[in-house]
N, C-alpha and C. Protein backbone atom coordinates (compact mmCIF):
# COMPACT_ATOMS: atom_id res chain seq x y z
N UNK A 1 1.50 -1.09 -0.30
CA UNK A 1 0.17 -0.22 -0.32
C UNK A 1 0.98 1.28 -0.24
N UNK A 2 1.16 2.78 -0.70
CA UNK A 2 0.77 3.17 -1.34
C UNK A 2 1.10 4.43 0.07
N UNK A 3 1.48 4.97 0.76
CA UNK A 3 0.92 6.50 1.02
C UNK A 3 0.91 7.87 0.43
N UNK A 4 0.18 7.97 -0.32
CA UNK A 4 0.28 9.35 -0.73
C UNK A 4 0.38 10.30 -0.35
N UNK A 5 -0.37 10.96 0.98
CA UNK A 5 0.53 11.00 1.65
C UNK A 5 2.04 11.90 1.74
N UNK A 6 2.71 10.72 1.98
CA UNK A 6 3.40 11.01 2.49
C UNK A 6 4.28 11.41 0.74
N UNK A 7 3.77 10.72 -0.21
CA UNK A 7 4.20 10.93 -1.37
C UNK A 7 4.45 12.30 -2.07
N UNK A 8 2.65 12.93 -1.91
CA UNK A 8 2.79 14.04 -2.08
C UNK A 8 3.19 14.98 -1.13
N UNK A 9 4.31 15.23 0.18
CA UNK A 9 4.59 16.11 1.07
C UNK A 9 6.31 15.38 0.38
N UNK A 10 7.35 14.57 -0.26
CA UNK A 10 8.01 14.38 -0.69
C UNK A 10 8.13 15.32 -2.04
N UNK A 11 7.00 15.10 -2.94
CA UNK A 11 6.70 15.85 -3.98
C UNK A 11 6.62 17.42 -3.87
N UNK A 12 6.03 17.46 -2.80
CA UNK A 12 5.66 19.34 -2.61
C UNK A 12 7.67 19.89 -1.85
N UNK A 13 8.37 19.15 -1.22
CA UNK A 13 10.06 18.97 -0.91
C UNK A 13 10.51 18.94 -2.12
N UNK A 14 10.31 18.74 -2.45
CA UNK A 14 11.32 17.87 -4.46
C UNK A 14 11.16 19.54 -5.15
N UNK A 15 9.85 20.21 -5.36
CA UNK A 15 9.16 21.47 -6.01
C UNK A 15 10.50 22.49 -5.57
N UNK A 16 9.82 22.82 -4.16
CA UNK A 16 10.02 23.86 -3.08
C UNK A 16 11.97 23.90 -3.64
N UNK A 17 12.36 22.63 -3.08
CA UNK A 17 13.55 22.59 -3.27
C UNK A 17 14.02 22.96 -4.45
N UNK A 18 13.59 22.21 -5.58
CA UNK A 18 14.05 23.16 -6.85
C UNK A 18 14.02 24.77 -7.35
N UNK A 19 12.47 24.66 -6.89
CA UNK A 19 12.02 26.34 -7.30
C UNK A 19 13.50 27.49 -6.59
N UNK A 20 14.08 26.86 -5.14
CA UNK A 20 14.89 27.29 -4.52
C UNK A 20 15.83 27.12 -5.49
N UNK A 21 16.55 25.90 -5.91
CA UNK A 21 18.17 26.26 -6.15
C UNK A 21 17.67 26.20 -7.39
N UNK A 22 16.84 26.83 -8.26
CA UNK A 22 17.35 26.25 -10.13
C UNK A 22 17.98 28.68 -10.61
N UNK A 23 17.41 28.94 -9.08
CA UNK A 23 18.19 30.31 -10.09
C UNK A 23 18.96 30.53 -9.99
N UNK A 24 19.95 29.93 -8.48
CA UNK A 24 20.93 30.20 -8.40
C UNK A 24 21.96 28.63 -9.77
N UNK A 25 21.51 27.60 -10.09
CA UNK A 25 22.22 26.98 -11.17
C UNK A 25 22.00 27.41 -12.59
N UNK A 26 21.00 28.07 -13.07
CA UNK A 26 21.09 28.90 -14.04
C UNK A 26 22.45 30.81 -14.39
N UNK A 27 21.66 31.02 -12.72
CA UNK A 27 23.61 31.96 -12.84
C UNK A 27 25.08 31.71 -12.97
N UNK A 28 24.73 29.94 -11.87
CA UNK A 28 26.21 29.26 -12.09
C UNK A 28 26.52 29.45 -13.21
N UNK A 29 25.62 28.84 -14.69
CA UNK A 29 25.39 28.23 -15.56
C UNK A 29 26.15 29.33 -16.72
N UNK A 30 25.15 30.61 -17.06
CA UNK A 30 25.74 31.58 -16.91
C UNK A 30 26.73 32.45 -17.01
N UNK A 31 26.93 32.28 -15.81
CA UNK A 31 28.35 32.36 -15.18
C UNK A 31 29.97 31.79 -15.43
N UNK A 32 29.70 30.46 -16.17
CA UNK A 32 30.44 29.57 -16.48
C UNK A 32 30.39 29.79 -18.25
N UNK A 33 29.17 30.45 -18.89
CA UNK A 33 30.04 30.58 -20.42
C UNK A 33 29.90 32.03 -20.63
N UNK A 34 29.66 32.77 -19.81
CA UNK A 34 30.42 34.00 -19.94
C UNK A 34 31.61 33.99 -19.98
N UNK A 35 32.27 33.50 -18.74
CA UNK A 35 33.90 33.30 -18.55
C UNK A 35 34.55 32.60 -19.45
N UNK A 36 34.29 31.68 -20.56
CA UNK A 36 34.37 30.04 -21.04
C UNK A 36 36.06 29.86 -20.83
N UNK A 37 35.11 29.21 -19.26
CA UNK A 37 36.21 29.33 -18.44
C UNK A 37 35.78 27.19 -17.57
N UNK A 38 34.53 27.00 -19.16
CA UNK A 38 34.22 25.38 -19.24
C UNK A 38 33.80 25.27 -17.32
N UNK A 39 34.12 23.77 -16.96
CA UNK A 39 34.33 23.16 -15.73
C UNK A 39 36.30 23.11 -15.12
N UNK A 40 35.69 23.20 -13.66
CA UNK A 40 36.97 23.19 -13.17
C UNK A 40 38.04 22.22 -13.72
N UNK A 41 37.59 21.00 -13.94
CA UNK A 41 38.55 20.26 -14.45
C UNK A 41 38.67 20.16 -16.25
N UNK A 42 38.27 20.93 -16.62
CA UNK A 42 37.89 20.30 -17.76
C UNK A 42 39.88 21.15 -18.84
N UNK A 43 39.95 22.11 -17.81
CA UNK A 43 41.05 22.73 -18.03
C UNK A 43 41.12 23.91 -19.85
N UNK A 44 39.83 24.59 -19.60
CA UNK A 44 40.28 25.13 -19.82
C UNK A 44 39.11 24.96 -21.90
N UNK A 45 39.35 25.34 -22.35
CA UNK A 45 38.68 25.99 -23.60
C UNK A 45 39.98 25.80 -24.77
N UNK A 46 39.48 25.06 -25.49
CA UNK A 46 40.76 24.40 -27.00
C UNK A 46 41.25 25.84 -27.48
N UNK A 47 42.09 26.14 -27.85
CA UNK A 47 42.63 27.00 -28.54
C UNK A 47 41.57 27.63 -29.43
N UNK A 48 41.31 28.48 -29.80
CA UNK A 48 40.60 28.73 -31.71
C UNK A 48 41.39 27.86 -32.78
N UNK A 49 39.82 27.13 -33.65
CA UNK A 49 40.96 26.65 -34.48
C UNK A 49 40.80 27.48 -35.69
N UNK A 50 42.14 27.61 -36.70
CA UNK A 50 42.39 29.00 -37.39
C UNK A 50 41.81 27.86 -38.87
N UNK A 51 41.32 28.93 -39.10
CA UNK A 51 40.70 28.98 -40.45
C UNK A 51 42.06 29.02 -41.54
N UNK A 52 40.78 27.81 -43.15
CA UNK A 52 42.36 27.53 -43.39
C UNK A 52 41.90 28.14 -44.88
N UNK A 53 42.71 29.15 -45.75
CA UNK A 53 41.94 28.50 -46.74
C UNK A 53 42.64 28.43 -47.71
N UNK A 54 41.83 27.93 -48.88
CA UNK A 54 42.31 27.16 -50.61
C UNK A 54 42.36 28.73 -50.93
N UNK A 55 43.22 29.01 -52.06
CA UNK A 55 43.87 29.58 -52.66
C UNK A 55 43.79 28.95 -53.85
N UNK A 56 43.57 29.95 -55.61
CA UNK A 56 43.03 29.40 -56.67
C UNK A 56 43.69 30.31 -57.36
N UNK A 57 43.74 28.91 -58.74
CA UNK A 57 44.87 30.17 -59.70
C UNK A 57 44.44 30.17 -60.88
N UNK A 58 43.84 31.22 -62.24
CA UNK A 58 43.31 31.03 -63.61
C UNK A 58 44.53 30.90 -64.42
N UNK A 59 44.36 29.99 -65.31
CA UNK A 59 45.12 30.13 -66.89
C UNK A 59 45.15 29.55 -67.30
N UNK A 60 45.87 30.31 -67.92
CA UNK A 60 45.46 30.13 -70.18
C UNK A 60 46.00 28.78 -69.97
N UNK A 61 45.51 28.65 -70.54
CA UNK A 61 45.36 26.84 -71.33
C UNK A 61 45.91 27.23 -73.28
N UNK A 62 46.14 25.93 -74.43
CA UNK A 62 46.21 26.39 -75.17
C UNK A 62 43.93 26.63 -76.14
N UNK A 63 43.67 26.33 -75.18
CA UNK A 63 41.95 26.33 -75.92
C UNK A 63 41.42 26.58 -75.65
N UNK A 64 41.36 26.98 -73.59
CA UNK A 64 39.90 27.27 -73.41
C UNK A 64 41.09 28.04 -71.17
N UNK A 65 40.26 28.48 -70.80
CA UNK A 65 40.81 28.61 -70.51
C UNK A 65 40.13 28.14 -68.97
N UNK A 66 41.62 27.35 -68.06
CA UNK A 66 40.64 26.47 -66.58
C UNK A 66 41.49 26.89 -65.37
N UNK A 67 40.84 26.66 -64.32
CA UNK A 67 40.88 26.79 -63.55
C UNK A 67 41.51 26.23 -62.37
N UNK A 68 42.77 26.56 -61.92
CA UNK A 68 42.66 25.02 -60.81
C UNK A 68 43.55 25.37 -59.84
N UNK A 69 42.64 24.76 -58.52
CA UNK A 69 42.68 24.32 -56.47
C UNK A 69 43.42 23.79 -56.58
N UNK A 70 44.71 24.79 -55.93
CA UNK A 70 45.78 24.10 -54.65
C UNK A 70 45.33 23.65 -53.97
């Protein structure tokens, strides 16, 4: 037999705790993203990836113009 009164009290207690803790958790998450430090054990963010450029040249052949990608 399930004691519904105890279940209701537990549910209310969990809901109250969640309502109390949620603003602080959201603030901490926002601060982590703002500072870009990540979790304390992650060692910070990796260095930004450098963009690679793709160069090309256009050269004239005997009969047509071709595009060569390097």
